[in-house]
Amino acid sequence: MASPIRSIKDFLTGLIYVAIGTGAVLIAILGDYKIGTALRMGPAYFPLVLCFLLIGIGLISLIRSFIQPGTPIGTFAVKGLVLVVVPTFLFGLLVRGVGLIVALPLLVLVSSYASREFRWGSALVLAAGLTVFCGLVFLKGLGVPLPIWGSWFGG
């Protein structure tokens, strides 16, 4: 008997979106966060709105998986996954010690290497541009307490 699912990619994507969105809604509702109202938003209000949007996108993807045919799932890209996830964790672990000016370019360069179109020149320009942009927006504009130079360098 043939499966009613015509696009397994859309089906699995929808399941993941709905599961993550539902889990986050439960954390926000069962947690100690105040939701508030549209005029007086609490700390859980905007994340809840985003969670409901994620659940909605997931439901659309689930419905679409039964209507529109899709391509089969290809091979699992372990190299790309590792080259994106590991630098992200390393950034979180290193940013206080080495500072934003070292940790962010390292994150960008290693993550960029996951692409088939990786080129050193464009990766270096991207790393420099993102470091300047994030420094201006997050450190200066928003006042996020991250060191420019970390404690390992005397910052």
N, C-alpha and C. Protein backbone atom coordinates (compact mmCIF):
# COMPACT_ATOMS: atom_id res chain seq x y z
N MET A 1 0.84 -1.18 0.00
CA MET A 1 0.00 0.00 0.00
C MET A 1 0.89 1.25 0.00
N ALA A 2 0.59 2.17 -0.84
CA ALA A 2 1.39 3.38 -0.98
C ALA A 2 1.11 4.33 0.18
N SER A 3 2.16 5.03 0.59
CA SER A 3 2.05 6.00 1.68
C SER A 3 1.34 7.26 1.18
N PRO A 4 0.50 7.86 2.01
CA PRO A 4 -0.15 9.11 1.60
C PRO A 4 0.81 10.30 1.61
N ILE A 5 1.97 10.11 2.21
CA ILE A 5 2.97 11.19 2.26
C ILE A 5 3.67 11.27 0.92
N ARG A 6 3.58 12.42 0.27
CA ARG A 6 4.19 12.60 -1.05
C ARG A 6 5.56 13.25 -0.98
N SER A 7 5.86 13.94 0.13
CA SER A 7 7.16 14.58 0.29
C SER A 7 7.66 14.32 1.71
N ILE A 8 8.54 13.37 1.86
CA ILE A 8 9.05 13.01 3.18
C ILE A 8 9.85 14.16 3.79
N LYS A 9 10.54 14.97 2.97
CA LYS A 9 11.29 16.12 3.49
C LYS A 9 10.35 17.11 4.17
N ASP A 10 9.26 17.47 3.49
CA ASP A 10 8.30 18.40 4.08
C ASP A 10 7.66 17.82 5.33
N PHE A 11 7.37 16.52 5.31
CA PHE A 11 6.74 15.88 6.45
C PHE A 11 7.66 15.92 7.67
N LEU A 12 8.91 15.53 7.50
CA LEU A 12 9.84 15.53 8.63
C LEU A 12 10.15 16.95 9.10
N THR A 13 10.27 17.88 8.17
CA THR A 13 10.51 19.28 8.53
C THR A 13 9.34 19.81 9.36
N GLY A 14 8.13 19.52 8.91
CA GLY A 14 6.94 19.94 9.65
C GLY A 14 6.90 19.35 11.04
N LEU A 15 7.22 18.06 11.17
CA LEU A 15 7.24 17.43 12.49
C LEU A 15 8.26 18.10 13.41
N ILE A 16 9.43 18.39 12.89
CA ILE A 16 10.47 19.03 13.70
C ILE A 16 10.02 20.42 14.15
N TYR A 17 9.46 21.21 13.23
CA TYR A 17 9.01 22.56 13.58
C TYR A 17 7.91 22.52 14.62
N VAL A 18 6.94 21.64 14.43
CA VAL A 18 5.84 21.55 15.39
C VAL A 18 6.36 21.08 16.75
N ALA A 19 7.26 20.12 16.77
CA ALA A 19 7.79 19.61 18.04
C ALA A 19 8.58 20.67 18.79
N ILE A 20 9.46 21.38 18.09
CA ILE A 20 10.26 22.42 18.74
C ILE A 20 9.37 23.57 19.21
N GLY A 21 8.45 24.00 18.37
CA GLY A 21 7.53 25.07 18.75
C GLY A 21 6.66 24.70 19.93
N THR A 22 6.14 23.48 19.94
CA THR A 22 5.29 23.02 21.04
C THR A 22 6.10 22.91 22.33
N GLY A 23 7.31 22.38 22.23
CA GLY A 23 8.17 22.28 23.40
C GLY A 23 8.48 23.64 23.99
N ALA A 24 8.78 24.61 23.15
CA ALA A 24 9.08 25.95 23.63
C ALA A 24 7.85 26.62 24.24
N VAL A 25 6.67 26.38 23.67
CA VAL A 25 5.43 26.91 24.25
C VAL A 25 5.22 26.33 25.64
N LEU A 26 5.42 25.03 25.77
CA LEU A 26 5.25 24.39 27.08
C LEU A 26 6.25 24.94 28.10
N ILE A 27 7.48 25.16 27.68
CA ILE A 27 8.48 25.73 28.60
C ILE A 27 8.06 27.13 29.03
N ALA A 28 7.58 27.93 28.09
CA ALA A 28 7.18 29.30 28.40
C ALA A 28 5.93 29.33 29.30
N ILE A 29 4.98 28.44 29.04
CA ILE A 29 3.74 28.45 29.82
C ILE A 29 3.95 27.83 31.19
N LEU A 30 4.65 26.69 31.23
CA LEU A 30 4.86 26.00 32.50
C LEU A 30 5.97 26.63 33.33
N GLY A 31 6.80 27.42 32.68
CA GLY A 31 7.89 28.09 33.40
C GLY A 31 7.37 29.26 34.21
N ASP A 32 8.27 30.00 34.74
CA ASP A 32 7.91 31.11 35.62
C ASP A 32 7.89 32.44 34.86
N TYR A 33 7.68 32.39 33.55
CA TYR A 33 7.72 33.60 32.73
C TYR A 33 6.34 34.25 32.67
N LYS A 34 6.32 35.55 32.73
CA LYS A 34 5.07 36.29 32.62
C LYS A 34 4.81 36.61 31.14
N ILE A 35 3.60 36.32 30.69
CA ILE A 35 3.24 36.55 29.29
C ILE A 35 2.85 38.00 29.06
N GLY A 36 1.98 38.54 29.90
CA GLY A 36 1.53 39.91 29.74
C GLY A 36 0.48 40.04 28.64
N THR A 37 0.30 41.25 28.15
CA THR A 37 -0.67 41.53 27.09
C THR A 37 0.05 42.20 25.93
N ALA A 38 -0.70 42.47 24.87
CA ALA A 38 -0.09 43.12 23.71
C ALA A 38 0.40 44.53 24.04
N LEU A 39 -0.26 45.18 24.99
CA LEU A 39 0.16 46.53 25.38
C LEU A 39 1.24 46.52 26.45
N ARG A 40 1.27 45.49 27.28
CA ARG A 40 2.28 45.37 28.34
C ARG A 40 2.89 43.98 28.26
N MET A 41 3.80 43.82 27.31
CA MET A 41 4.39 42.51 27.05
C MET A 41 5.32 42.08 28.17
N GLY A 42 5.17 40.83 28.57
CA GLY A 42 6.08 40.24 29.53
C GLY A 42 7.23 39.56 28.78
N PRO A 43 8.17 38.97 29.50
CA PRO A 43 9.32 38.34 28.86
C PRO A 43 8.99 37.12 28.01
N ALA A 44 7.81 36.52 28.21
CA ALA A 44 7.44 35.34 27.42
C ALA A 44 6.57 35.67 26.22
N TYR A 45 6.12 36.91 26.10
CA TYR A 45 5.17 37.26 25.04
C TYR A 45 5.74 37.06 23.64
N PHE A 46 6.85 37.74 23.33
CA PHE A 46 7.41 37.66 21.98
C PHE A 46 7.91 36.25 21.64
N PRO A 47 8.61 35.56 22.56
CA PRO A 47 8.98 34.17 22.24
C PRO A 47 7.78 33.28 21.96
N LEU A 48 6.67 33.51 22.68
CA LEU A 48 5.47 32.71 22.42
C LEU A 48 4.90 32.99 21.03
N VAL A 49 4.91 34.25 20.64
CA VAL A 49 4.44 34.59 19.29
C VAL A 49 5.29 33.87 18.25
N LEU A 50 6.61 33.89 18.44
CA LEU A 50 7.50 33.20 17.51
C LEU A 50 7.27 31.69 17.51
N CYS A 51 7.01 31.13 18.68
CA CYS A 51 6.73 29.68 18.77
C CYS A 51 5.46 29.33 18.00
N PHE A 52 4.42 30.15 18.15
CA PHE A 52 3.18 29.87 17.43
C PHE A 52 3.38 30.02 15.92
N LEU A 53 4.21 30.97 15.51
CA LEU A 53 4.53 31.09 14.08
C LEU A 53 5.28 29.85 13.60
N LEU A 54 6.21 29.35 14.40
CA LEU A 54 6.95 28.14 14.05
C LEU A 54 6.02 26.95 13.94
N ILE A 55 5.08 26.82 14.87
CA ILE A 55 4.11 25.74 14.80
C ILE A 55 3.25 25.88 13.55
N GLY A 56 2.85 27.11 13.22
CA GLY A 56 2.05 27.34 12.01
C GLY A 56 2.81 26.96 10.74
N ILE A 57 4.07 27.33 10.66
CA ILE A 57 4.88 26.97 9.50
C ILE A 57 5.03 25.45 9.44
N GLY A 58 5.20 24.82 10.59
CA GLY A 58 5.29 23.36 10.63
C GLY A 58 4.03 22.69 10.15
N LEU A 59 2.87 23.21 10.55
CA LEU A 59 1.60 22.64 10.10
C LEU A 59 1.41 22.82 8.60
N ILE A 60 1.81 23.97 8.08
CA ILE A 60 1.75 24.19 6.63
C ILE A 60 2.64 23.19 5.91
N SER A 61 3.82 22.96 6.44
CA SER A 61 4.74 21.99 5.83
C SER A 61 4.17 20.57 5.90
N LEU A 62 3.54 20.23 7.01
CA LEU A 62 2.91 18.91 7.13
C LEU A 62 1.79 18.73 6.10
N ILE A 63 0.94 19.73 5.98
CA ILE A 63 -0.15 19.65 5.01
C ILE A 63 0.40 19.55 3.60
N ARG A 64 1.40 20.35 3.32
CA ARG A 64 2.03 20.35 2.00
C ARG A 64 2.63 18.98 1.66
N SER A 65 3.13 18.27 2.67
CA SER A 65 3.76 16.97 2.42
C SER A 65 2.77 15.94 1.88
N PHE A 66 1.49 16.15 2.11
CA PHE A 66 0.47 15.24 1.60
C PHE A 66 -0.05 15.66 0.23
N ILE A 67 0.23 16.89 -0.18
CA ILE A 67 -0.32 17.44 -1.43
C ILE A 67 0.70 17.47 -2.55
N GLN A 68 1.87 18.01 -2.26
CA GLN A 68 2.87 18.26 -3.31
C GLN A 68 3.99 17.23 -3.24
N PRO A 69 4.31 16.61 -4.38
CA PRO A 69 5.41 15.63 -4.36
C PRO A 69 6.75 16.33 -4.15
N GLY A 70 7.67 15.62 -3.55
CA GLY A 70 8.99 16.17 -3.28
C GLY A 70 10.07 15.19 -3.67
N THR A 71 11.29 15.63 -3.55
CA THR A 71 12.43 14.78 -3.87
C THR A 71 12.78 13.93 -2.65
N PRO A 72 13.40 12.78 -2.86
CA PRO A 72 13.78 11.95 -1.72
C PRO A 72 14.91 12.61 -0.93
N ILE A 73 15.05 12.16 0.30
CA ILE A 73 16.10 12.68 1.16
C ILE A 73 17.44 12.16 0.66
N GLY A 74 18.41 13.04 0.52
CA GLY A 74 19.73 12.67 0.03
C GLY A 74 20.60 12.13 1.15
N THR A 75 21.89 12.14 0.90
CA THR A 75 22.83 11.65 1.88
C THR A 75 22.96 12.63 3.04
N PHE A 76 23.35 12.14 4.17
CA PHE A 76 23.51 12.95 5.37
C PHE A 76 24.88 13.61 5.33
N ALA A 77 24.92 14.93 5.38
CA ALA A 77 26.16 15.70 5.26
C ALA A 77 26.81 15.86 6.63
N VAL A 78 27.56 14.86 7.04
CA VAL A 78 28.20 14.87 8.35
C VAL A 78 29.25 15.98 8.43
N LYS A 79 30.05 16.13 7.38
CA LYS A 79 31.11 17.15 7.39
C LYS A 79 30.51 18.54 7.59
N GLY A 80 29.49 18.87 6.84
CA GLY A 80 28.85 20.18 6.97
C GLY A 80 28.24 20.40 8.34
N LEU A 81 27.60 19.36 8.86
CA LEU A 81 26.99 19.45 10.19
C LEU A 81 28.05 19.72 11.25
N VAL A 82 29.13 18.99 11.21
CA VAL A 82 30.21 19.16 12.20
C VAL A 82 30.85 20.53 12.06
N LEU A 83 31.06 20.99 10.81
CA LEU A 83 31.72 22.27 10.58
C LEU A 83 30.83 23.48 10.88
N VAL A 84 29.57 23.25 11.16
CA VAL A 84 28.70 24.35 11.58
C VAL A 84 28.40 24.27 13.07
N VAL A 85 28.13 23.08 13.58
CA VAL A 85 27.75 22.92 14.98
C VAL A 85 28.94 23.10 15.93
N VAL A 86 30.06 22.46 15.64
CA VAL A 86 31.21 22.52 16.54
C VAL A 86 31.73 23.95 16.71
N PRO A 87 31.92 24.73 15.64
CA PRO A 87 32.38 26.11 15.86
C PRO A 87 31.38 26.96 16.66
N THR A 88 30.10 26.66 16.53
CA THR A 88 29.10 27.40 17.30
C THR A 88 29.28 27.14 18.79
N PHE A 89 29.47 25.88 19.16
CA PHE A 89 29.73 25.55 20.56
C PHE A 89 31.06 26.15 21.02
N LEU A 90 32.08 26.07 20.18
CA LEU A 90 33.37 26.65 20.53
C LEU A 90 33.27 28.16 20.75
N PHE A 91 32.48 28.83 19.93
CA PHE A 91 32.28 30.27 20.10
C PHE A 91 31.72 30.55 21.49
N GLY A 92 30.70 29.79 21.87
CA GLY A 92 30.11 29.99 23.19
C GLY A 92 31.09 29.72 24.32
N LEU A 93 31.95 28.73 24.13
CA LEU A 93 32.92 28.40 25.17
C LEU A 93 34.09 29.38 25.21
N LEU A 94 34.49 29.92 24.07
CA LEU A 94 35.70 30.74 23.99
C LEU A 94 35.49 32.24 24.06
N VAL A 95 34.29 32.74 23.80
CA VAL A 95 34.11 34.17 23.61
C VAL A 95 34.50 34.98 24.85
N ARG A 96 34.27 34.48 26.03
CA ARG A 96 34.66 35.23 27.24
C ARG A 96 36.18 35.20 27.43
N GLY A 97 36.81 34.11 27.04
CA GLY A 97 38.25 33.99 27.23
C GLY A 97 39.07 34.72 26.19
N VAL A 98 38.68 34.59 24.91
CA VAL A 98 39.47 35.20 23.83
C VAL A 98 38.85 36.49 23.31
N GLY A 99 37.60 36.73 23.61
CA GLY A 99 36.93 37.95 23.16
C GLY A 99 36.27 37.78 21.80
N LEU A 100 35.42 38.75 21.49
CA LEU A 100 34.65 38.72 20.25
C LEU A 100 35.55 38.84 19.03
N ILE A 101 36.62 39.58 19.14
CA ILE A 101 37.48 39.86 17.99
C ILE A 101 38.25 38.62 17.52
N VAL A 102 38.36 37.59 18.36
CA VAL A 102 39.01 36.33 17.98
C VAL A 102 37.96 35.24 17.74
N ALA A 103 36.98 35.13 18.64
CA ALA A 103 36.01 34.03 18.58
C ALA A 103 35.09 34.12 17.36
N LEU A 104 34.63 35.32 17.02
CA LEU A 104 33.70 35.44 15.89
C LEU A 104 34.35 35.14 14.54
N PRO A 105 35.53 35.69 14.23
CA PRO A 105 36.16 35.31 12.96
C PRO A 105 36.46 33.81 12.89
N LEU A 106 36.84 33.22 14.02
CA LEU A 106 37.09 31.78 14.05
C LEU A 106 35.81 31.01 13.70
N LEU A 107 34.70 31.42 14.30
CA LEU A 107 33.40 30.81 14.00
C LEU A 107 33.05 30.93 12.53
N VAL A 108 33.21 32.13 11.97
CA VAL A 108 32.85 32.36 10.58
C VAL A 108 33.74 31.57 9.63
N LEU A 109 35.04 31.56 9.87
CA LEU A 109 35.97 30.87 8.97
C LEU A 109 35.75 29.36 8.97
N VAL A 110 35.60 28.77 10.14
CA VAL A 110 35.41 27.32 10.19
C VAL A 110 34.04 26.94 9.63
N SER A 111 33.00 27.71 9.94
CA SER A 111 31.68 27.42 9.39
C SER A 111 31.64 27.62 7.88
N SER A 112 32.34 28.62 7.38
CA SER A 112 32.38 28.86 5.94
C SER A 112 33.02 27.70 5.19
N TYR A 113 33.94 27.03 5.85
CA TYR A 113 34.64 25.90 5.23
C TYR A 113 33.68 24.75 4.91
N ALA A 114 32.50 24.73 5.51
CA ALA A 114 31.50 23.69 5.23
C ALA A 114 30.91 23.82 3.83
N SER A 115 31.02 25.00 3.23
CA SER A 115 30.44 25.24 1.90
C SER A 115 31.32 24.67 0.79
N ARG A 116 30.68 24.21 -0.25
CA ARG A 116 31.43 23.74 -1.43
C ARG A 116 32.09 24.90 -2.16
N GLU A 117 31.52 26.11 -2.02
CA GLU A 117 32.07 27.29 -2.69
C GLU A 117 33.03 28.06 -1.79
N PHE A 118 33.62 27.42 -0.80
CA PHE A 118 34.53 28.11 0.13
C PHE A 118 35.73 28.69 -0.60
N ARG A 119 36.00 29.96 -0.34
CA ARG A 119 37.18 30.65 -0.84
C ARG A 119 37.74 31.47 0.32
N TRP A 120 39.05 31.42 0.51
CA TRP A 120 39.67 32.12 1.63
C TRP A 120 39.40 33.61 1.59
N GLY A 121 39.51 34.21 0.42
CA GLY A 121 39.33 35.66 0.31
C GLY A 121 37.95 36.11 0.77
N SER A 122 36.92 35.50 0.23
CA SER A 122 35.56 35.91 0.60
C SER A 122 35.26 35.55 2.05
N ALA A 123 35.81 34.43 2.56
CA ALA A 123 35.58 34.05 3.95
C ALA A 123 36.24 35.05 4.90
N LEU A 124 37.43 35.53 4.56
CA LEU A 124 38.11 36.52 5.40
C LEU A 124 37.38 37.86 5.41
N VAL A 125 36.88 38.25 4.22
CA VAL A 125 36.11 39.50 4.14
C VAL A 125 34.83 39.38 4.96
N LEU A 126 34.15 38.23 4.85
CA LEU A 126 32.93 38.00 5.62
C LEU A 126 33.22 38.01 7.12
N ALA A 127 34.29 37.35 7.53
CA ALA A 127 34.66 37.31 8.95
C ALA A 127 34.95 38.71 9.48
N ALA A 128 35.70 39.50 8.72
CA ALA A 128 36.02 40.86 9.15
C ALA A 128 34.76 41.72 9.21
N GLY A 129 33.93 41.63 8.18
CA GLY A 129 32.71 42.43 8.14
C GLY A 129 31.74 42.08 9.26
N LEU A 130 31.56 40.79 9.52
CA LEU A 130 30.65 40.38 10.59
C LEU A 130 31.19 40.77 11.96
N THR A 131 32.49 40.71 12.13
CA THR A 131 33.07 41.10 13.41
C THR A 131 32.86 42.59 13.67
N VAL A 132 33.10 43.42 12.67
CA VAL A 132 32.86 44.86 12.82
C VAL A 132 31.38 45.13 13.05
N PHE A 133 30.52 44.51 12.25
CA PHE A 133 29.07 44.71 12.38
C PHE A 133 28.58 44.29 13.77
N CYS A 134 28.96 43.10 14.22
CA CYS A 134 28.50 42.61 15.52
C CYS A 134 29.07 43.45 16.66
N GLY A 135 30.31 43.90 16.50
CA GLY A 135 30.88 44.78 17.50
C GLY A 135 30.10 46.07 17.63
N LEU A 136 29.75 46.66 16.50
CA LEU A 136 28.99 47.91 16.52
C LEU A 136 27.57 47.71 17.04
N VAL A 137 26.89 46.69 16.53
CA VAL A 137 25.49 46.49 16.91
C VAL A 137 25.35 45.97 18.34
N PHE A 138 26.03 44.88 18.65
CA PHE A 138 25.80 44.23 19.93
C PHE A 138 26.58 44.87 21.08
N LEU A 139 27.84 45.20 20.85
CA LEU A 139 28.63 45.76 21.94
C LEU A 139 28.35 47.24 22.16
N LYS A 140 28.39 48.01 21.10
CA LYS A 140 28.20 49.46 21.23
C LYS A 140 26.72 49.83 21.25
N GLY A 141 25.94 49.33 20.27
CA GLY A 141 24.54 49.72 20.15
C GLY A 141 23.65 49.16 21.25
N LEU A 142 23.74 47.86 21.50
CA LEU A 142 22.86 47.22 22.47
C LEU A 142 23.49 47.04 23.85
N GLY A 143 24.79 47.23 23.94
CA GLY A 143 25.47 47.13 25.22
C GLY A 143 25.58 45.72 25.78
N VAL A 144 25.64 44.73 24.90
CA VAL A 144 25.79 43.35 25.34
C VAL A 144 27.15 43.20 26.02
N PRO A 145 27.18 42.63 27.22
CA PRO A 145 28.44 42.58 27.98
C PRO A 145 29.38 41.45 27.52
N LEU A 146 29.90 41.56 26.33
CA LEU A 146 30.90 40.64 25.83
C LEU A 146 32.22 41.40 25.67
N PRO A 147 33.32 40.78 26.02
CA PRO A 147 34.60 41.48 25.88
C PRO A 147 35.05 41.53 24.42
N ILE A 148 35.62 42.65 24.02
CA ILE A 148 36.22 42.74 22.69
C ILE A 148 37.48 41.88 22.67
N TRP A 149 38.34 42.07 23.66
CA TRP A 149 39.50 41.20 23.89
C TRP A 149 39.22 40.46 25.18
N GLY A 150 39.41 39.17 25.16
CA GLY A 150 39.09 38.36 26.33
C GLY A 150 40.13 38.40 27.41
N SER A 151 39.80 37.74 28.51
CA SER A 151 40.68 37.72 29.68
C SER A 151 41.99 36.99 29.40
N TRP A 152 42.00 36.12 28.42
CA TRP A 152 43.23 35.40 28.07
C TRP A 152 44.26 36.34 27.47
N PHE A 153 43.81 37.47 26.93
CA PHE A 153 44.71 38.45 26.31
C PHE A 153 44.82 39.70 27.17
N GLY A 154 44.37 39.62 28.41
CA GLY A 154 44.46 40.75 29.32
C GLY A 154 43.35 41.76 29.15
N GLY A 155 42.28 41.40 28.44
CA GLY A 155 41.19 42.34 28.18
C GLY A 155 40.16 42.42 29.26
